Amino acid sequence: MMARQAGRTAGSQGGPPPTATLQSPAPQRSATTALPRRGQVLTTKVGLQMPAGAAYDEWEQAGRQLADVLDSSSWWLGDWLVYGKDHYSDRYQRGIRAAGLSYQTLRNYAWVARRFELSRRRPALSFQHHAELASLPTGEQDRWLDQAEHRRWSTKQLRGAIRAARQGGQRPRAGGDEPSGGLQFPCSRLQWWHKAAEQLGVDFEQWVTVTLDSAAASALKERDKRDKGEEHQESAWSEALTERTRPVAISA
């Protein structure tokens, strides 16, 4: 069994963990007095204390629990930032600084958290499984999650299957489903765009819509301008040709 002492820890890997209550950390005790009881793994803010003579099974179980904690903390922190942005848009960055957390990391967590509402997260799969699929349309996300969960794919295996499907021009879909019309972009590019929207202080989807609308309007305006120019040129050539072919009276 793992106990927690002074310090922040997060929850279990692969999705929404069992409901837990985060309590204020107890005062930090000296490492010389924080001795684990027999059979108990003790976590502190600066380290981990294994019980003397721990059996292999106990050591392995502790590793699994620590991995669960690490992965669920990504979901928790992502959801925490989403809530802060939604409810304290003018103050949430101050909260991030006060907590001593990295905004860049939190922003990535929040992006994945927004792409997967709580009911769609798979406890059997890790946060990174979901992050691999975050840029895909919802229907494709669910189909890949189904396959990854059923076949017990690692993150690397999931990434390889997606790459193979793209190279083969295929997507996993249920019988009779139409191919998705969603656009595919590298995760790094999406994160770059999210950063641009964040710096402007606007919602990401709103930023994408406004940016694309502006680009489309500019392109169409340029095309209309070019078409009018071509029409004007054709008209000028037509007038010149008419002028050249017009009969000329020659006096005797």
Protein backbone atom coordinates (compact mmCIF):
# COMPACT_ATOMS: atom_id res chain seq x y z
CA MET A 1 0.00 0.00 0.00
CA MET A 2 1.29 3.44 -0.86
CA ALA A 3 0.92 6.37 1.50
CA ARG A 4 1.37 10.03 0.62
CA GLN A 5 3.35 12.45 2.71
CA ALA A 6 3.97 16.19 2.22
CA GLY A 7 3.92 17.11 -1.42
CA ARG A 8 1.74 17.04 -4.49
CA THR A 9 0.83 13.83 -6.21
CA ALA A 10 -1.67 13.12 -8.94
CA GLY A 11 -3.92 10.14 -9.73
CA SER A 12 -4.15 6.99 -11.76
CA GLN A 13 -2.96 6.31 -15.31
CA GLY A 14 -5.07 6.02 -18.35
CA GLY A 15 -8.08 8.18 -17.78
CA PRO A 16 -10.49 9.25 -15.12
CA PRO A 17 -9.44 7.62 -11.86
CA PRO A 18 -11.76 6.72 -9.00
CA THR A 19 -13.11 9.80 -7.29
CA ALA A 20 -10.55 11.17 -4.85
CA THR A 21 -10.32 14.20 -2.64
CA LEU A 22 -7.14 16.25 -2.70
CA GLN A 23 -6.29 17.47 0.75
CA SER A 24 -3.87 20.11 1.86
CA PRO A 25 -0.43 18.59 2.36
CA ALA A 26 0.66 17.90 5.89
CA PRO A 27 3.64 19.84 7.23
CA GLN A 28 6.94 18.47 5.87
CA ARG A 29 8.59 16.18 8.34
CA SER A 30 12.26 15.43 8.60
CA ALA A 31 13.41 12.52 6.45
CA THR A 32 14.89 10.93 9.55
CA THR A 33 11.48 10.70 11.19
CA ALA A 34 9.44 9.87 8.06
CA LEU A 35 10.06 6.16 8.26
CA PRO A 36 7.65 3.91 6.36
CA ARG A 37 5.76 1.32 8.27
CA ARG A 38 6.34 -2.30 7.35
CA GLY A 39 4.94 -3.08 3.91
CA GLN A 40 4.18 0.55 3.16
CA VAL A 41 5.72 2.73 0.43
CA LEU A 42 5.98 6.33 1.54
CA THR A 43 6.09 9.26 -0.90
CA THR A 44 7.50 12.64 0.02
CA LYS A 45 7.91 15.83 -1.95
CA VAL A 46 11.52 15.00 -2.68
CA GLY A 47 11.58 11.24 -2.89
CA LEU A 48 10.21 7.76 -2.38
CA GLN A 49 10.88 5.48 0.58
CA MET A 50 10.55 1.76 0.07
CA PRO A 51 10.12 -0.50 3.09
CA ALA A 52 13.16 -2.49 4.02
CA GLY A 53 13.09 -5.99 2.59
CA ALA A 54 10.20 -5.27 0.21
CA ALA A 55 9.23 -8.25 -1.92
CA TYR A 56 9.37 -8.02 -5.71
CA ASP A 57 5.57 -8.02 -5.96
CA GLU A 58 5.38 -5.06 -3.61
CA TRP A 59 8.01 -3.17 -5.61
CA GLU A 60 6.20 -3.91 -8.88
CA GLN A 61 2.85 -2.82 -7.47
CA ALA A 62 4.40 0.44 -6.26
CA GLY A 63 5.71 1.08 -9.77
CA ARG A 64 2.26 0.58 -11.26
CA GLN A 65 0.70 2.93 -8.76
CA LEU A 66 3.34 5.57 -9.46
CA ALA A 67 2.72 5.25 -13.20
CA ASP A 68 -1.01 5.64 -12.55
CA VAL A 69 -0.35 8.76 -10.52
CA LEU A 70 1.86 10.26 -13.21
CA ASP A 71 -0.60 9.66 -16.03
CA SER A 72 -3.76 10.77 -14.26
CA SER A 73 -2.04 13.96 -13.19
CA SER A 74 -2.00 14.93 -16.88
CA TRP A 75 -5.81 14.64 -17.01
CA TRP A 76 -6.21 16.41 -13.69
CA LEU A 77 -3.96 19.32 -14.60
CA GLY A 78 -5.58 19.63 -18.03
CA ASP A 79 -9.05 19.75 -16.50
CA TRP A 80 -7.81 22.19 -13.87
CA LEU A 81 -6.55 24.61 -16.51
CA VAL A 82 -9.71 24.27 -18.61
CA TYR A 83 -11.81 25.15 -15.58
CA GLY A 84 -9.60 28.13 -14.78
CA LYS A 85 -9.77 29.48 -18.33
CA ASP A 86 -13.54 29.05 -18.43
CA HIS A 87 -14.23 30.63 -15.04
CA TYR A 88 -11.34 33.02 -14.34
CA SER A 89 -10.24 34.22 -17.77
CA ASP A 90 -8.68 37.35 -16.27
CA ARG A 91 -6.88 35.61 -13.42
CA TYR A 92 -6.11 32.00 -14.32
CA GLN A 93 -2.53 32.73 -15.43
CA ARG A 94 -1.89 34.22 -12.03
CA GLY A 95 -3.09 30.96 -10.51
CA ILE A 96 -0.67 29.03 -12.72
CA ARG A 97 2.23 31.16 -11.54
CA ALA A 98 1.15 30.82 -7.93
CA ALA A 99 1.08 27.03 -8.30
CA GLY A 100 4.57 27.07 -9.81
CA LEU A 101 3.48 25.10 -12.89
CA SER A 102 4.66 25.27 -16.50
CA TYR A 103 2.07 27.00 -18.67
CA GLN A 104 3.38 25.35 -21.85
CA THR A 105 2.91 21.89 -20.37
CA LEU A 106 -0.48 22.75 -18.92
CA ARG A 107 -1.65 24.14 -22.25
CA ASN A 108 -0.86 20.82 -23.94
CA TYR A 109 -2.72 18.92 -21.23
CA ALA A 110 -5.69 21.25 -21.50
CA TRP A 111 -5.86 20.85 -25.27
CA VAL A 112 -6.14 17.06 -24.96
CA ALA A 113 -8.62 17.39 -22.08
CA ARG A 114 -10.88 19.61 -24.20
CA ARG A 115 -10.74 17.15 -27.08
CA PHE A 116 -11.98 14.31 -24.85
CA GLU A 117 -14.83 15.01 -22.50
CA LEU A 118 -14.79 12.91 -19.36
CA SER A 119 -17.32 10.35 -20.59
CA ARG A 120 -15.19 9.52 -23.66
CA ARG A 121 -11.91 8.90 -21.85
CA ARG A 122 -10.80 5.29 -21.62
CA PRO A 123 -9.47 4.24 -18.20
CA ALA A 124 -7.69 1.27 -19.81
CA LEU A 125 -5.67 3.61 -22.03
CA SER A 126 -3.13 6.23 -21.06
CA PHE A 127 -3.31 9.97 -21.44
CA GLN A 128 -0.70 9.66 -24.19
CA HIS A 129 -2.97 7.28 -26.15
CA HIS A 130 -5.58 10.02 -26.17
CA ALA A 131 -3.01 12.70 -27.03
CA GLU A 132 -2.02 10.71 -30.14
CA LEU A 133 -5.61 10.99 -31.36
CA ALA A 134 -6.49 14.50 -30.17
CA SER A 135 -6.18 16.11 -33.62
CA LEU A 136 -8.58 13.64 -35.27
CA PRO A 137 -12.36 14.06 -35.68
CA THR A 138 -14.44 12.61 -32.85
CA GLY A 139 -15.64 9.58 -34.81
CA GLU A 140 -12.12 8.55 -35.74
CA GLN A 141 -10.90 9.11 -32.19
CA ASP A 142 -13.48 6.67 -30.86
CA ARG A 143 -12.71 4.04 -33.50
CA TRP A 144 -9.00 4.17 -32.81
CA LEU A 145 -9.61 4.07 -29.05
CA ASP A 146 -11.78 0.99 -29.54
CA GLN A 147 -9.03 -0.77 -31.44
CA ALA A 148 -6.28 0.27 -29.04
CA GLU A 149 -8.31 -0.90 -26.06
CA HIS A 150 -9.41 -4.18 -27.66
CA ARG A 151 -5.94 -5.06 -28.97
CA ARG A 152 -4.11 -3.68 -25.93
CA TRP A 153 -1.86 -1.50 -28.04
CA SER A 154 0.94 0.49 -26.51
CA THR A 155 1.20 4.15 -27.49
CA LYS A 156 3.91 3.22 -29.98
CA GLN A 157 1.74 0.51 -31.54
CA LEU A 158 -1.18 2.92 -31.84
CA ARG A 159 1.03 5.51 -33.51
CA GLY A 160 2.33 2.88 -35.93
CA ALA A 161 -1.18 1.71 -36.82
CA ILE A 162 -2.29 5.28 -37.53
CA ARG A 163 0.77 5.86 -39.72
CA ALA A 164 0.17 2.64 -41.63
CA ALA A 165 -3.49 3.53 -42.20
CA ARG A 166 -2.56 6.95 -43.53
CA GLN A 167 0.07 5.56 -45.86
CA GLY A 168 -2.45 3.04 -47.14
CA GLY A 169 -5.09 5.74 -47.60
CA GLN A 170 -7.38 4.02 -45.12
CA ARG A 171 -9.02 4.81 -41.82
CA PRO A 172 -10.52 2.30 -39.41
CA ARG A 173 -14.27 2.61 -39.70
CA ALA A 174 -17.31 0.54 -38.91
CA GLY A 175 -19.11 -1.18 -41.77
CA GLY A 176 -21.07 1.21 -43.95
CA ASP A 177 -19.53 4.33 -42.44
CA GLU A 178 -18.55 7.07 -44.81
CA PRO A 179 -14.94 8.30 -44.68
CA SER A 180 -14.48 11.30 -42.44
CA GLY A 181 -14.04 14.68 -44.06
CA GLY A 182 -11.86 15.95 -41.21
CA LEU A 183 -8.49 17.51 -41.99
CA GLN A 184 -5.36 15.94 -40.54
CA PHE A 185 -2.56 18.07 -39.12
CA PRO A 186 0.56 17.26 -37.11
CA CYS A 187 0.09 17.70 -33.38
CA SER A 188 3.00 20.19 -33.27
CA ARG A 189 1.26 22.45 -35.78
CA LEU A 190 -2.01 22.37 -33.88
CA GLN A 191 -0.21 23.27 -30.69
CA TRP A 192 1.48 26.15 -32.51
CA TRP A 193 -1.91 27.45 -33.65
CA HIS A 194 -3.27 27.07 -30.12
CA LYS A 195 -0.41 29.23 -28.88
CA ALA A 196 -1.23 31.93 -31.43
CA ALA A 197 -4.89 31.95 -30.35
CA GLU A 198 -3.86 32.04 -26.69
CA GLN A 199 -1.61 35.05 -27.21
CA LEU A 200 -4.50 36.90 -28.84
CA GLY A 201 -6.77 35.95 -25.97
CA VAL A 202 -9.43 34.30 -28.15
CA ASP A 203 -10.98 30.85 -28.27
CA PHE A 204 -9.03 28.47 -30.54
CA GLU A 205 -11.98 27.49 -32.75
CA GLN A 206 -12.96 31.14 -33.08
CA TRP A 207 -9.40 32.04 -34.05
CA VAL A 208 -9.32 29.27 -36.68
CA THR A 209 -12.66 30.38 -38.13
CA VAL A 210 -11.72 34.06 -38.26
CA THR A 211 -8.28 33.34 -39.71
CA LEU A 212 -9.60 31.04 -42.43
CA ASP A 213 -12.46 33.41 -43.26
CA SER A 214 -9.98 36.26 -43.60
CA ALA A 215 -7.68 34.19 -45.81
CA ALA A 216 -10.62 33.06 -47.96
CA ALA A 217 -11.93 36.60 -48.34
CA SER A 218 -8.47 37.83 -49.34
CA ALA A 219 -8.02 35.03 -51.86
CA LEU A 220 -11.46 35.57 -53.40
CA LYS A 221 -10.94 39.32 -53.53
CA GLU A 222 -7.64 38.80 -55.32
CA ARG A 223 -9.29 36.41 -57.75
CA ASP A 224 -12.10 38.89 -58.48
CA LYS A 225 -9.54 41.63 -58.98
CA ARG A 226 -7.59 39.43 -61.35
CA ASP A 227 -10.74 38.43 -63.24
CA LYS A 228 -11.77 42.07 -63.62
CA GLY A 229 -8.30 42.90 -64.83
CA GLU A 230 -8.48 40.16 -67.42
CA GLU A 231 -11.95 41.34 -68.49
CA HIS A 232 -10.63 44.89 -68.82
CA GLN A 233 -7.66 43.67 -70.85
CA GLU A 234 -9.90 41.60 -73.12
CA SER A 235 -12.15 44.64 -73.60
CA ALA A 236 -9.18 46.81 -74.48
CA TRP A 237 -7.91 44.25 -76.97
CA SER A 238 -11.39 43.97 -78.45
CA GLU A 239 -11.64 47.72 -78.87
CA ALA A 240 -8.19 47.89 -80.41
CA LEU A 241 -9.02 45.07 -82.81
CA THR A 242 -12.27 46.78 -83.80
CA GLU A 243 -10.40 50.00 -84.39
CA ARG A 244 -7.88 48.26 -86.60
CA THR A 245 -10.48 46.46 -88.73
CA ARG A 246 -12.83 49.45 -89.09
CA PRO A 247 -13.13 50.55 -92.74
CA VAL A 248 -11.17 53.69 -93.53
CA ALA A 249 -12.39 56.16 -96.13
CA ILE A 250 -9.70 57.05 -98.63
CA SER A 251 -10.19 60.26 -100.48
CA ALA A 252 -9.60 60.27 -104.17
